[in-house]
N, C-alpha and C. Protein backbone atom coordinates (compact mmCIF):
# COMPACT_ATOMS: atom_id res chain seq x y z
N MET A 1 139.48 6.90 -45.10
CA MET A 1 138.54 7.86 -44.21
C MET A 1 138.20 8.85 -45.25
N ASN A 2 136.94 9.26 -45.26
CA ASN A 2 136.41 10.52 -45.95
C ASN A 2 136.70 11.80 -45.29
N LYS A 3 136.31 12.94 -45.94
CA LYS A 3 136.67 14.32 -45.27
C LYS A 3 135.90 14.50 -43.94
N LYS A 4 134.46 14.01 -44.13
CA LYS A 4 133.65 14.26 -42.90
C LYS A 4 134.27 13.63 -41.64
N THR A 5 134.69 12.23 -41.74
CA THR A 5 134.96 11.41 -40.76
C THR A 5 136.20 12.09 -40.17
N SER A 6 137.22 12.63 -40.98
CA SER A 6 138.46 13.17 -40.55
C SER A 6 138.28 14.41 -39.69
N ALA A 7 137.23 15.24 -40.27
CA ALA A 7 137.12 16.40 -39.52
C ALA A 7 136.30 16.08 -38.20
N ILE A 8 135.54 15.02 -38.20
CA ILE A 8 135.05 14.66 -36.82
C ILE A 8 136.08 14.13 -35.73
N VAL A 9 137.11 13.41 -36.25
CA VAL A 9 138.09 12.92 -35.47
C VAL A 9 138.95 14.06 -35.19
N ALA A 10 139.36 15.02 -36.06
CA ALA A 10 140.36 16.26 -35.75
C ALA A 10 139.45 17.09 -34.63
N GLY A 11 138.21 17.19 -34.56
CA GLY A 11 137.39 17.98 -33.73
C GLY A 11 137.51 17.51 -32.34
N ILE A 12 137.34 16.13 -32.43
CA ILE A 12 137.32 15.34 -30.95
C ILE A 12 138.92 15.42 -30.38
N MET A 13 139.83 15.13 -31.29
CA MET A 13 141.09 15.23 -30.73
C MET A 13 141.51 16.69 -30.19
N THR A 14 141.02 17.72 -30.89
CA THR A 14 141.19 19.11 -30.45
C THR A 14 140.68 19.45 -29.06
N ALA A 15 139.46 18.79 -28.93
CA ALA A 15 138.64 18.85 -27.45
C ALA A 15 139.41 18.39 -26.50
N ILE A 16 139.99 17.13 -26.92
CA ILE A 16 140.64 16.32 -25.88
C ILE A 16 141.97 17.10 -25.34
N LEU A 17 142.70 17.58 -26.37
CA LEU A 17 143.73 18.25 -26.13
C LEU A 17 143.81 19.65 -25.53
N LEU A 18 142.54 20.23 -25.74
CA LEU A 18 142.56 21.68 -25.10
C LEU A 18 141.79 21.52 -23.63
N ALA A 19 141.16 20.32 -23.29
CA ALA A 19 140.50 20.31 -22.13
C ALA A 19 141.35 20.76 -20.83
N PRO A 20 142.69 19.96 -20.84
CA PRO A 20 143.50 20.36 -19.62
C PRO A 20 143.95 21.84 -19.59
N GLY A 21 144.18 22.29 -21.04
CA GLY A 21 144.58 23.78 -20.83
C GLY A 21 143.52 24.70 -20.28
N MET A 22 142.21 24.37 -20.67
CA MET A 22 141.18 25.28 -20.25
C MET A 22 140.97 25.14 -18.64
N SER A 23 141.06 23.92 -18.23
CA SER A 23 141.05 23.66 -16.74
C SER A 23 142.09 24.54 -15.95
N MET A 24 143.36 24.73 -16.57
CA MET A 24 144.44 25.42 -16.10
C MET A 24 143.94 27.01 -15.94
N VAL A 25 143.45 27.33 -17.10
CA VAL A 25 142.93 28.83 -17.13
C VAL A 25 142.07 29.23 -15.99
N TYR A 26 141.20 28.11 -15.86
CA TYR A 26 140.05 28.31 -14.79
C TYR A 26 140.79 28.31 -13.45
N ALA A 27 141.84 27.56 -13.20
CA ALA A 27 142.63 27.38 -11.73
C ALA A 27 143.25 28.82 -11.59
N GLU A 28 143.93 29.39 -12.75
CA GLU A 28 144.46 30.61 -12.68
C GLU A 28 143.75 31.86 -12.41
N LEU A 29 142.40 31.74 -12.85
CA LEU A 29 141.62 32.87 -12.71
C LEU A 29 140.63 32.60 -11.40
N GLU A 30 140.65 31.54 -10.72
CA GLU A 30 139.77 31.11 -9.68
C GLU A 30 139.85 32.26 -8.54
N PRO A 31 141.07 32.81 -8.20
CA PRO A 31 141.09 33.83 -7.05
C PRO A 31 140.36 35.08 -7.30
N TYR A 32 140.20 35.38 -8.63
CA TYR A 32 139.64 36.68 -9.03
C TYR A 32 138.12 36.42 -9.30
N LEU A 33 137.47 35.32 -9.43
CA LEU A 33 136.10 34.99 -9.54
C LEU A 33 135.11 35.72 -8.62
N GLY A 34 135.52 36.16 -7.54
CA GLY A 34 134.43 36.79 -6.74
C GLY A 34 134.67 36.07 -5.19
N ASN A 35 133.98 36.73 -4.24
CA ASN A 35 134.06 36.49 -2.86
C ASN A 35 133.18 35.24 -2.41
N VAL A 36 133.92 34.52 -1.51
CA VAL A 36 133.42 33.24 -1.22
C VAL A 36 132.58 33.43 0.21
N GLY A 37 133.41 33.86 1.14
CA GLY A 37 132.96 34.14 2.51
C GLY A 37 132.05 35.28 2.86
N PRO A 38 131.39 35.49 4.02
CA PRO A 38 130.71 36.44 4.35
C PRO A 38 131.59 37.74 4.63
N GLN A 39 132.60 37.45 5.11
CA GLN A 39 133.45 38.73 5.17
C GLN A 39 134.30 39.17 3.88
N GLY A 40 134.03 38.63 2.87
CA GLY A 40 134.66 38.96 1.54
C GLY A 40 136.01 38.14 1.36
N GLN A 41 136.26 37.16 2.09
CA GLN A 41 137.40 36.46 1.90
C GLN A 41 137.30 35.54 0.64
N THR A 42 138.37 35.20 0.01
CA THR A 42 138.43 34.43 -1.04
C THR A 42 138.72 32.99 -0.79
N GLY A 43 139.51 32.88 0.37
CA GLY A 43 139.92 31.41 0.79
C GLY A 43 141.45 31.33 0.59
N ALA A 44 142.23 32.14 -0.26
CA ALA A 44 143.38 32.00 -0.50
C ALA A 44 144.03 33.34 -1.04
N TYR A 45 145.02 33.80 -0.26
CA TYR A 45 145.64 35.07 -0.43
C TYR A 45 144.67 36.19 -0.80
N THR A 46 144.14 36.76 0.15
CA THR A 46 143.14 37.76 0.19
C THR A 46 143.94 39.09 0.03
N LEU A 47 143.12 40.13 -0.25
CA LEU A 47 143.85 41.53 -0.27
C LEU A 47 144.53 41.89 1.15
N GLU A 48 143.80 41.51 2.23
CA GLU A 48 144.24 41.78 3.38
C GLU A 48 145.58 41.22 3.74
N GLU A 49 145.64 39.86 3.42
CA GLU A 49 146.86 39.14 3.38
C GLU A 49 147.90 39.75 2.59
N ALA A 50 147.72 40.10 1.45
CA ALA A 50 148.78 40.52 0.68
C ALA A 50 149.30 41.94 1.23
N LEU A 51 148.29 42.80 1.73
CA LEU A 51 148.83 44.12 2.29
C LEU A 51 149.65 43.74 3.71
N LYS A 52 149.17 42.86 4.33
CA LYS A 52 150.04 42.43 5.58
C LYS A 52 151.37 42.01 5.24
N LEU A 53 151.51 41.13 4.24
CA LEU A 53 152.74 40.58 3.85
C LEU A 53 153.82 41.71 3.12
N ALA A 54 153.28 42.69 2.32
CA ALA A 54 153.83 43.72 1.79
C ALA A 54 154.44 44.64 2.82
N GLN A 55 153.61 44.99 3.99
CA GLN A 55 154.02 45.87 4.96
C GLN A 55 155.18 45.09 5.78
N ALA A 56 155.11 43.79 5.90
CA ALA A 56 156.16 43.14 6.75
C ALA A 56 157.41 43.16 5.84
N ARG A 57 157.21 42.94 4.56
CA ARG A 57 158.36 42.94 3.74
C ARG A 57 159.23 44.42 3.90
N GLN A 58 158.33 45.46 3.77
CA GLN A 58 158.94 46.63 3.74
C GLN A 58 159.47 46.92 5.25
N THR A 59 159.01 46.52 6.38
CA THR A 59 159.61 46.76 7.41
C THR A 59 160.95 46.02 7.75
N LEU A 60 160.90 44.78 7.21
CA LEU A 60 162.17 44.07 7.17
C LEU A 60 163.28 44.67 6.48
N ALA A 61 162.91 45.09 5.17
CA ALA A 61 163.92 45.98 4.44
C ALA A 61 164.54 47.08 4.96
N ALA A 62 163.53 47.73 5.74
CA ALA A 62 164.04 49.11 6.48
C ALA A 62 164.84 48.75 7.52
N GLU A 63 164.59 47.62 8.38
CA GLU A 63 165.42 47.31 9.44
C GLU A 63 166.78 46.81 8.99
N ASN A 64 166.88 46.10 7.77
CA ASN A 64 168.23 45.50 7.36
C ASN A 64 168.57 46.18 6.19
N LYS A 65 169.06 47.45 6.18
CA LYS A 65 169.54 48.09 4.94
C LYS A 65 170.68 47.59 4.28
N GLY A 66 171.59 46.78 4.77
CA GLY A 66 172.65 46.24 4.18
C GLY A 66 172.28 45.04 3.28
N LEU A 67 171.18 44.44 3.59
CA LEU A 67 170.88 43.43 2.59
C LEU A 67 170.36 43.57 1.31
N GLY A 68 169.90 44.92 1.14
CA GLY A 68 169.46 45.17 -0.26
C GLY A 68 168.22 44.47 -0.52
N SER A 69 168.14 44.19 -1.88
CA SER A 69 166.89 43.48 -2.28
C SER A 69 166.99 41.88 -1.98
N GLY A 70 168.08 41.47 -1.48
CA GLY A 70 168.25 39.88 -1.23
C GLY A 70 168.85 39.37 -2.37
N THR A 71 169.04 39.87 -3.41
CA THR A 71 169.64 39.09 -4.59
C THR A 71 171.32 39.55 -4.75
N PRO A 72 172.04 38.50 -4.44
CA PRO A 72 173.65 38.96 -4.45
C PRO A 72 173.87 38.87 -5.93
N LEU A 73 174.24 40.21 -6.49
CA LEU A 73 174.56 40.25 -7.74
C LEU A 73 175.91 39.75 -8.24
N LEU A 74 176.86 40.02 -7.28
CA LEU A 74 178.28 39.64 -7.99
C LEU A 74 178.78 38.43 -7.30
N SER A 75 178.07 37.52 -6.55
CA SER A 75 178.63 36.33 -6.10
C SER A 75 178.27 35.31 -7.05
N LEU A 76 179.00 34.16 -6.88
CA LEU A 76 178.68 33.05 -7.91
C LEU A 76 177.48 32.61 -7.89
N ASP A 77 176.70 32.44 -6.63
CA ASP A 77 175.39 32.10 -6.81
C ASP A 77 174.29 33.29 -6.99
N GLY A 78 174.94 34.33 -7.41
CA GLY A 78 173.98 35.46 -7.88
C GLY A 78 173.77 35.63 -9.26
N MET A 79 173.38 36.74 -9.72
CA MET A 79 173.03 36.98 -11.10
C MET A 79 174.10 36.96 -11.93
N VAL A 80 175.14 37.68 -11.80
CA VAL A 80 176.45 37.90 -12.59
C VAL A 80 177.15 36.66 -12.44
N GLY A 81 177.33 36.05 -11.37
CA GLY A 81 178.10 34.68 -11.38
C GLY A 81 177.39 33.64 -12.17
N SER A 82 176.18 33.38 -12.01
CA SER A 82 175.46 32.44 -12.92
C SER A 82 175.41 32.67 -14.21
N SER A 83 175.54 33.92 -14.66
CA SER A 83 175.54 34.42 -16.00
C SER A 83 176.90 34.11 -16.62
N ILE A 84 177.95 34.30 -15.80
CA ILE A 84 179.18 33.78 -16.33
C ILE A 84 179.56 32.36 -16.41
N ILE A 85 178.87 31.64 -15.38
CA ILE A 85 179.09 30.19 -15.50
C ILE A 85 178.31 29.59 -16.84
N SER A 86 177.00 29.99 -16.97
CA SER A 86 176.31 29.43 -18.09
C SER A 86 176.81 30.00 -19.38
N ALA A 87 177.44 31.19 -19.39
CA ALA A 87 178.13 31.62 -20.59
C ALA A 87 179.24 30.81 -20.98
N GLY A 88 180.08 30.41 -19.85
CA GLY A 88 181.26 29.48 -20.09
C GLY A 88 180.78 28.08 -20.76
N ILE A 89 179.70 27.62 -20.00
CA ILE A 89 179.35 26.24 -20.38
C ILE A 89 178.92 26.29 -21.74
N PHE A 90 177.91 27.16 -22.26
CA PHE A 90 177.36 27.23 -23.39
C PHE A 90 178.42 27.66 -24.50
N GLY A 91 179.15 28.58 -24.10
CA GLY A 91 180.37 28.99 -25.07
C GLY A 91 181.25 27.84 -25.43
N GLY A 92 181.45 27.06 -24.27
CA GLY A 92 182.27 25.92 -24.70
C GLY A 92 181.75 24.83 -25.56
N ILE A 93 180.50 24.62 -25.38
CA ILE A 93 179.66 23.83 -26.23
C ILE A 93 179.67 24.27 -27.53
N ALA A 94 179.37 25.55 -27.78
CA ALA A 94 179.48 26.11 -29.07
C ALA A 94 180.68 26.15 -29.72
N ALA A 95 181.79 26.36 -28.96
CA ALA A 95 183.08 26.41 -29.61
C ALA A 95 183.45 24.74 -30.10
N ALA A 96 183.01 23.74 -29.31
CA ALA A 96 183.09 22.44 -29.76
C ALA A 96 182.50 22.13 -31.20
N PHE A 97 181.17 22.60 -31.22
CA PHE A 97 180.55 22.60 -32.46
C PHE A 97 181.29 23.29 -33.67
N PHE A 98 181.73 24.57 -33.41
CA PHE A 98 182.64 25.21 -34.40
C PHE A 98 183.71 24.40 -34.73
N VAL A 99 184.37 23.83 -33.89
CA VAL A 99 185.79 23.18 -34.30
C VAL A 99 185.44 21.95 -34.79
N ARG A 100 184.35 21.19 -34.57
CA ARG A 100 184.02 19.98 -35.26
C ARG A 100 183.35 20.22 -36.66
N GLY A 101 182.74 21.35 -36.71
CA GLY A 101 181.90 21.75 -37.98
C GLY A 101 183.21 22.12 -39.14
N LYS A 102 184.28 22.50 -38.65
CA LYS A 102 185.45 22.91 -39.66
C LYS A 102 185.97 21.69 -40.36
N SER A 103 185.88 20.57 -39.71
CA SER A 103 186.47 19.20 -40.27
C SER A 103 185.47 18.40 -40.17
N GLY A 104 185.13 17.75 -41.29
CA GLY A 104 184.04 16.46 -41.26
C GLY A 104 183.62 16.17 -42.55
N LYS A 105 182.70 15.33 -42.68
CA LYS A 105 182.22 14.69 -44.00
C LYS A 105 181.68 15.89 -44.74
N TYR A 106 180.89 16.73 -44.36
CA TYR A 106 180.15 17.63 -45.10
C TYR A 106 180.88 19.25 -45.16
N ALA A 107 181.96 19.34 -44.54
CA ALA A 107 182.71 20.53 -44.69
C ALA A 107 183.13 21.02 -46.20
N ALA A 108 182.89 22.03 -46.70
CA ALA A 108 183.19 22.49 -47.86
C ALA A 108 184.71 22.47 -48.04
N MET A 109 185.17 21.80 -49.27
CA MET A 109 186.67 21.89 -49.60
C MET A 109 187.21 23.30 -49.97
N GLY A 110 188.39 23.57 -49.63
CA GLY A 110 188.86 24.82 -50.05
C GLY A 110 188.48 25.90 -49.24
N ARG A 111 187.59 25.86 -48.31
CA ARG A 111 187.27 26.97 -47.45
C ARG A 111 187.67 26.83 -45.91
N GLY A 112 188.76 27.84 -45.58
CA GLY A 112 189.20 27.64 -44.28
C GLY A 112 189.92 26.48 -43.98
């Protein structure tokens, strides 16, 4: 295959691989592309809906002060608990690799 043919094939492959990504960018930007309806609604999650939901969240948080943000930090299903569990799992895996690495076919002789 000569240089011209390989350049054409590379260009076609690049276009094929980038096409799904470009459509994803369009889907992400679609709500911001402009108004669709006569009242200014875009069809999904309008500004008025966002404001209504934010006010409802604020009212709910004011009524239930004991709930906080809703993220249980110190429980096992919260942030700290899941961090401790994942640190234990990954730490155990790392320890197993370190132990196995000390003795083996490629371990340096006379070191440790």
